Protein backbone atom coordinates (compact mmCIF):
# COMPACT_ATOMS: atom_id res chain seq x y z
CA UNK A 1 67.38 75.22 36.24
CA UNK A 2 67.45 76.71 39.73
CA UNK A 3 68.61 80.04 41.09
CA UNK A 4 71.90 81.47 39.82
CA UNK A 5 74.54 83.83 41.16
CA UNK A 6 74.26 87.55 40.41
CA UNK A 7 77.92 87.99 39.47
CA UNK A 8 77.78 85.93 36.28
CA UNK A 9 74.50 87.53 35.18
CA UNK A 10 75.84 91.07 35.58
CA UNK A 11 79.24 90.26 34.08
CA UNK A 12 77.47 89.24 30.87
CA UNK A 13 75.33 92.38 30.94
CA UNK A 14 78.37 94.59 31.46
CA UNK A 15 80.20 92.96 28.58
CA UNK A 16 77.27 93.18 26.15
CA UNK A 17 75.97 96.60 27.18
CA UNK A 18 72.49 95.97 28.58
CA UNK A 19 70.92 96.01 32.04
CA UNK A 20 69.09 93.27 33.92
CA UNK A 21 65.79 94.13 35.59
CA UNK A 22 65.62 93.66 39.35
CA UNK A 23 61.99 93.49 40.40
CA UNK A 24 60.64 93.54 43.96
CA UNK A 25 57.82 91.24 45.00
CA UNK A 26 55.82 90.69 48.17
CA UNK A 27 53.38 87.95 47.15
CA UNK A 28 52.81 85.10 44.70
CA UNK A 29 50.89 87.11 42.12
CA UNK A 30 53.61 89.73 41.80
CA UNK A 31 56.22 87.00 41.44
CA UNK A 32 54.18 85.20 38.78
CA UNK A 33 53.76 88.40 36.78
CA UNK A 34 57.52 89.04 36.89
CA UNK A 35 58.49 85.50 35.93
CA UNK A 36 55.86 85.18 33.20
CA UNK A 37 57.18 88.34 31.56
CA UNK A 38 60.84 87.29 31.82
CA UNK A 39 60.08 83.84 30.38
CA UNK A 40 58.08 85.32 27.51
CA UNK A 41 60.92 87.73 26.69
CA UNK A 42 63.60 85.11 27.42
CA UNK A 43 65.33 87.64 29.67
CA UNK A 44 67.41 87.10 32.79
CA UNK A 45 65.65 88.40 35.87
CA UNK A 46 66.51 89.37 39.43
CA UNK A 47 63.80 88.74 42.02
CA UNK A 48 64.16 91.06 45.01
CA UNK A 49 62.76 91.16 48.52
CA UNK A 50 63.30 93.91 51.05
CA UNK A 51 63.39 93.55 54.81
CA UNK A 52 59.85 94.95 54.77
CA UNK A 53 58.69 92.22 52.40
CA UNK A 54 60.36 89.59 54.59
CA UNK A 55 58.59 90.97 57.67
CA UNK A 56 55.28 90.91 55.80
CA UNK A 57 55.39 87.52 54.09
CA UNK A 58 58.13 85.56 55.83
CA UNK A 59 61.49 84.76 54.27
CA UNK A 60 60.71 81.04 54.03
CA UNK A 61 57.62 81.66 51.90
CA UNK A 62 59.39 84.19 49.66
CA UNK A 63 62.44 81.99 49.10
CA UNK A 64 60.26 78.94 48.36
CA UNK A 65 58.25 80.90 45.79
CA UNK A 66 61.43 82.06 44.07
CA UNK A 67 62.95 78.58 44.01
CA UNK A 68 59.76 77.15 42.56
CA UNK A 69 59.68 79.80 39.84
CA UNK A 70 63.35 79.36 38.94
CA UNK A 71 63.13 75.57 38.76
CA UNK A 72 61.07 75.56 35.57
CA UNK A 73 61.62 79.05 34.11
CA UNK A 74 64.41 78.08 31.71
CA UNK A 75 66.11 81.47 32.18
CA UNK A 76 68.67 82.89 34.62
CA UNK A 77 66.87 83.81 37.86
CA UNK A 78 68.62 85.49 40.79
CA UNK A 79 67.11 85.84 44.28
CA UNK A 80 68.44 89.04 45.82
CA UNK A 81 68.09 90.69 49.23
CA UNK A 82 67.39 94.36 48.51
CA UNK A 83 68.50 96.99 51.03
CA UNK A 84 69.65 94.63 53.76
CA UNK A 85 70.15 97.02 56.65
CA UNK A 86 71.08 94.45 59.28
CA UNK A 87 73.75 91.75 59.31
CA UNK A 88 71.23 89.36 60.86
CA UNK A 89 68.95 89.72 57.83
CA UNK A 90 71.83 89.07 55.45
CA UNK A 91 72.76 85.88 57.30
CA UNK A 92 69.10 84.83 57.29
CA UNK A 93 68.97 85.34 53.51
CA UNK A 94 72.10 83.23 53.03
CA UNK A 95 70.57 80.42 55.08
CA UNK A 96 67.42 80.49 52.93
CA UNK A 97 69.25 80.15 49.65
CA UNK A 98 69.42 83.72 48.35
CA UNK A 99 72.04 83.94 45.62
CA UNK A 100 72.77 87.64 46.10
CA UNK A 101 72.56 90.06 49.03
CA UNK A 102 72.79 93.80 49.42
CA UNK A 103 74.45 95.20 52.50
CA UNK A 104 73.11 98.73 52.63
CA UNK A 105 75.10 100.63 55.23
CA UNK A 106 75.02 103.85 53.21
CA UNK A 107 73.39 105.64 56.14
CA UNK A 108 76.48 105.03 58.29
CA UNK A 109 79.86 106.71 58.35
CA UNK A 110 82.12 105.63 55.49
CA UNK A 111 84.45 103.54 57.69
CA UNK A 112 81.47 101.73 59.23
CA UNK A 113 79.99 101.04 55.80
CA UNK A 114 83.37 99.74 54.63
CA UNK A 115 83.91 97.48 57.64
CA UNK A 116 80.41 96.01 57.65
CA UNK A 117 80.46 95.40 53.89
CA UNK A 118 83.85 93.69 54.16
CA UNK A 119 82.37 91.35 56.76
CA UNK A 120 79.38 90.53 54.56
CA UNK A 121 81.59 89.92 51.51
CA UNK A 122 83.71 87.43 53.46
CA UNK A 123 80.67 85.51 54.65
CA UNK A 124 78.72 85.64 51.40
CA UNK A 125 81.59 84.76 49.08
CA UNK A 126 82.34 81.68 51.17
CA UNK A 127 78.80 80.56 50.33
CA UNK A 128 79.14 81.48 46.63
CA UNK A 129 76.76 84.42 46.99
CA UNK A 130 77.22 87.85 45.36
CA UNK A 131 77.24 91.12 47.30
CA UNK A 132 75.91 94.54 46.33
CA UNK A 133 76.60 97.71 48.32
CA UNK A 134 75.63 101.37 48.10
CA UNK A 135 77.52 104.65 48.34
CA UNK A 136 75.83 108.01 48.65
CA UNK A 137 72.22 108.29 49.75
CA UNK A 138 69.09 108.41 47.62
CA UNK A 139 66.29 110.61 48.90
CA UNK A 140 62.72 109.34 49.10
CA UNK A 141 60.70 106.71 50.94
CA UNK A 142 60.36 103.04 50.09
CA UNK A 143 59.80 100.22 52.59
CA UNK A 144 62.48 100.53 55.30
CA UNK A 145 64.36 103.31 53.43
CA UNK A 146 63.49 106.91 54.29
CA UNK A 147 65.86 109.75 53.36
CA UNK A 148 65.01 113.47 53.31
CA UNK A 149 66.51 116.09 51.00
CA UNK A 150 68.97 117.23 53.65
CA UNK A 151 70.37 113.71 54.12
CA UNK A 152 70.65 112.82 50.41
CA UNK A 153 74.20 112.85 49.02
CA UNK A 154 75.72 111.90 45.68
CA UNK A 155 78.52 109.33 45.45
CA UNK A 156 82.17 110.40 45.56
CA UNK A 157 83.89 108.58 42.64
CA UNK A 158 87.29 108.41 44.36
CA UNK A 159 85.65 107.02 47.47
CA UNK A 160 83.82 104.46 45.31
CA UNK A 161 87.13 103.28 43.88
CA UNK A 162 88.59 102.86 47.37
CA UNK A 163 85.45 101.12 48.62
CA UNK A 164 85.37 98.56 45.80
CA UNK A 165 89.08 97.87 46.13
CA UNK A 166 88.88 97.28 49.88
CA UNK A 167 85.61 95.31 49.99
CA UNK A 168 85.61 93.20 46.82
CA UNK A 169 81.89 93.75 46.25
CA UNK A 170 80.39 92.34 43.06
CA UNK A 171 78.15 95.33 42.30
CA UNK A 172 77.84 98.91 43.51
CA UNK A 173 74.84 101.22 43.65
CA UNK A 174 76.12 104.80 43.33
CA UNK A 175 73.79 107.66 44.20
CA UNK A 176 73.64 109.83 41.05
CA UNK A 177 70.35 111.67 41.45
CA UNK A 178 67.43 109.22 41.50
CA UNK A 179 65.18 108.76 44.51
CA UNK A 180 62.93 106.11 46.00
CA UNK A 181 59.16 106.15 45.70
CA UNK A 182 56.77 107.67 43.15
CA UNK A 183 57.99 111.29 43.44
CA UNK A 184 61.52 111.23 42.08
CA UNK A 185 62.05 114.68 40.57
CA UNK A 186 60.96 118.26 41.07
CA UNK A 187 61.17 119.90 37.66
CA UNK A 188 63.24 118.48 34.80
CA UNK A 189 64.51 114.93 35.45
CA UNK A 190 68.31 114.73 35.46
CA UNK A 191 71.00 112.32 36.57
CA UNK A 192 74.69 113.08 37.07
CA UNK A 193 76.07 111.11 34.12
CA UNK A 194 79.55 112.60 34.44
CA UNK A 195 79.73 111.26 37.99
CA UNK A 196 78.40 107.89 36.80
CA UNK A 197 81.10 107.71 34.12
CA UNK A 198 83.80 108.44 36.67
CA UNK A 199 82.54 105.71 39.00
CA UNK A 200 82.31 103.20 36.13
CA UNK A 201 85.87 104.01 35.03
CA UNK A 202 87.40 103.94 38.50
CA UNK A 203 85.67 100.80 39.82
CA UNK A 204 85.33 98.62 36.71
CA UNK A 205 82.48 96.60 38.23
CA UNK A 206 78.77 96.39 37.30
CA UNK A 207 76.80 99.35 38.64
CA UNK A 208 73.23 99.42 39.93
CA UNK A 209 70.55 102.10 39.57
CA UNK A 210 68.20 102.34 42.54
CA UNK A 211 65.07 104.47 42.58
CA UNK A 212 64.68 103.75 38.87
CA UNK A 213 60.94 103.22 38.35
CA UNK A 214 59.48 105.08 35.37
CA UNK A 215 56.14 105.89 37.09
CA UNK A 216 54.16 105.99 33.80
CA UNK A 217 51.48 108.68 33.70
CA UNK A 218 49.02 106.20 32.16
CA UNK A 219 49.28 103.85 35.14
CA UNK A 220 49.04 106.68 37.68
CA UNK A 221 46.03 108.14 35.86
CA UNK A 222 44.36 104.74 35.75
CA UNK A 223 44.84 104.28 39.49
CA UNK A 224 43.46 107.76 40.12
CA UNK A 225 40.49 107.12 37.82
CA UNK A 226 39.53 104.19 40.03
CA UNK A 227 39.87 105.93 43.38
CA UNK A 228 43.56 106.53 44.11
CA UNK A 229 44.89 109.95 45.14
CA UNK A 230 48.41 110.02 43.68
CA UNK A 231 49.31 113.58 42.72
CA UNK A 232 52.56 114.89 41.25
CA UNK A 233 54.22 111.50 40.73
CA UNK A 234 57.22 111.48 38.37
CA UNK A 235 59.73 108.76 37.50
CA UNK A 236 62.84 108.19 35.39
CA UNK A 237 62.15 108.68 31.65
CA UNK A 238 63.16 105.89 29.28
CA UNK A 239 65.74 107.96 27.42
CA UNK A 240 67.52 108.77 30.67
CA UNK A 241 67.39 105.08 31.60
CA UNK A 242 69.01 104.07 28.33
CA UNK A 243 71.71 106.70 28.78
CA UNK A 244 72.44 105.33 32.25
CA UNK A 245 72.86 101.84 30.77
CA UNK A 246 75.34 103.21 28.24
CA UNK A 247 77.17 104.80 31.16
CA UNK A 248 77.73 101.52 33.01
CA UNK A 249 74.46 100.63 34.76
CA UNK A 250 73.96 96.84 34.56
CA UNK A 251 71.19 96.27 37.15
CA UNK A 252 68.08 98.42 37.40
CA UNK A 253 65.79 98.21 40.42
CA UNK A 254 62.04 98.49 39.85
CA UNK A 255 59.52 98.48 42.68
CA UNK A 256 57.17 101.46 42.52
CA UNK A 257 56.13 100.69 38.93
CA UNK A 258 54.98 97.23 40.00
CA UNK A 259 53.10 98.53 43.05
CA UNK A 260 51.29 101.10 40.95
CA UNK A 261 50.40 98.55 38.25
CA UNK A 262 49.23 95.97 40.77
CA UNK A 263 47.03 98.34 42.75
CA UNK A 264 45.62 99.98 39.59
CA UNK A 265 44.58 96.52 38.40
CA UNK A 266 42.87 95.74 41.69
CA UNK A 267 41.12 99.12 41.84
CA UNK A 268 39.77 98.73 38.31
CA UNK A 269 38.47 95.22 38.94
CA UNK A 270 36.73 96.12 42.20
CA UNK A 271 35.22 99.26 40.71
CA UNK A 272 33.89 97.51 37.62
CA UNK A 273 32.68 94.46 39.54
CA UNK A 274 31.67 95.60 43.05
CA UNK A 275 29.69 92.40 43.49
CA UNK A 276 32.83 90.27 43.13
CA UNK A 277 34.64 88.59 45.99
CA UNK A 278 36.57 85.81 44.25
CA UNK A 279 40.22 86.64 44.94
CA UNK A 280 41.31 84.98 41.71
CA UNK A 281 39.23 87.45 39.73
CA UNK A 282 40.57 90.37 41.79
CA UNK A 283 44.26 89.45 41.86
CA UNK A 284 44.45 87.90 38.38
CA UNK A 285 44.16 91.26 36.55
CA UNK A 286 46.71 92.74 38.97
CA UNK A 287 49.14 89.94 38.08
CA UNK A 288 48.56 90.63 34.38
CA UNK A 289 49.29 94.33 34.95
CA UNK A 290 52.60 93.48 36.61
CA UNK A 291 53.52 91.25 33.68
CA UNK A 292 52.79 94.02 31.19
CA UNK A 293 54.92 96.48 33.16
CA UNK A 294 57.85 94.04 33.41
CA UNK A 295 57.70 93.34 29.67
CA UNK A 296 57.93 97.08 29.07
CA UNK A 297 60.92 97.45 31.39
CA UNK A 298 62.71 94.50 29.78
CA UNK A 299 62.40 96.20 26.39
CA UNK A 300 63.85 99.44 27.74
CA UNK A 301 66.70 97.67 29.55
CA UNK A 302 67.68 95.77 26.39
CA UNK A 303 67.83 92.38 28.08
CA UNK A 304 65.26 90.48 25.99
CA UNK A 305 66.66 87.24 24.55
CA UNK A 306 69.61 87.44 26.96
CA UNK A 307 68.26 84.86 29.40
């Protein structure tokens, strides 16, 4: 079937009222877990790589893995550049067959973000590739993204309307209160749904929720039981996720959940079988854990049987 463009996938999600899972991967086993789950649920899926993943594994390897997976999956598969901070990386992604790119200039002044995103949209649209951008800044740490409390800002709905009108982006990630990493909230989890509704109304395009991992206590506890030291982790509850989808979110990014599941699987296997050194036996359970997590997220996002 091959890789498909993000725009068509999100347009369908926006029309039918569900969200498509966007899952980050850094190696073959993570990718296999994601694809196996999406195929089993017959759900569309967005495979994502960050600049950090590209530095680690090489963009050629990552793109080849994604193309191989999409060729026989029988579902809509998008290959997306997540948090592209540099124009050179965006161009590199286009040359390697990515079907969607994110130009994340949210850490720059508004006019700089606008100008750089306009440039990316012109280049990407000529190649038939979708563009995502971000307004506002999510706090937290994940790969190349690091934002403290003092730098975090929520999106301005009027500014979002102007930005979308002037850039022509296909999707927008508005900052509404989530954060990157495994420590998303202090106290009661809340998102600014009124702000989200305003952005959805004023822009009319599919919206993206970043920093959206659920960070299940069971997975964190399992990792800790087998030697991890993850204290105070908290993610986005499922009911809040579903409310965000009703408010206009059509693409939901998930990274931390997969990292936690993968490493918990490895820790358990090595603890239970310290004599083992066959990588297939070590990484296989981790791949299965990723698949189980993705199946869970697909159910919450409402995108099963939409592939």
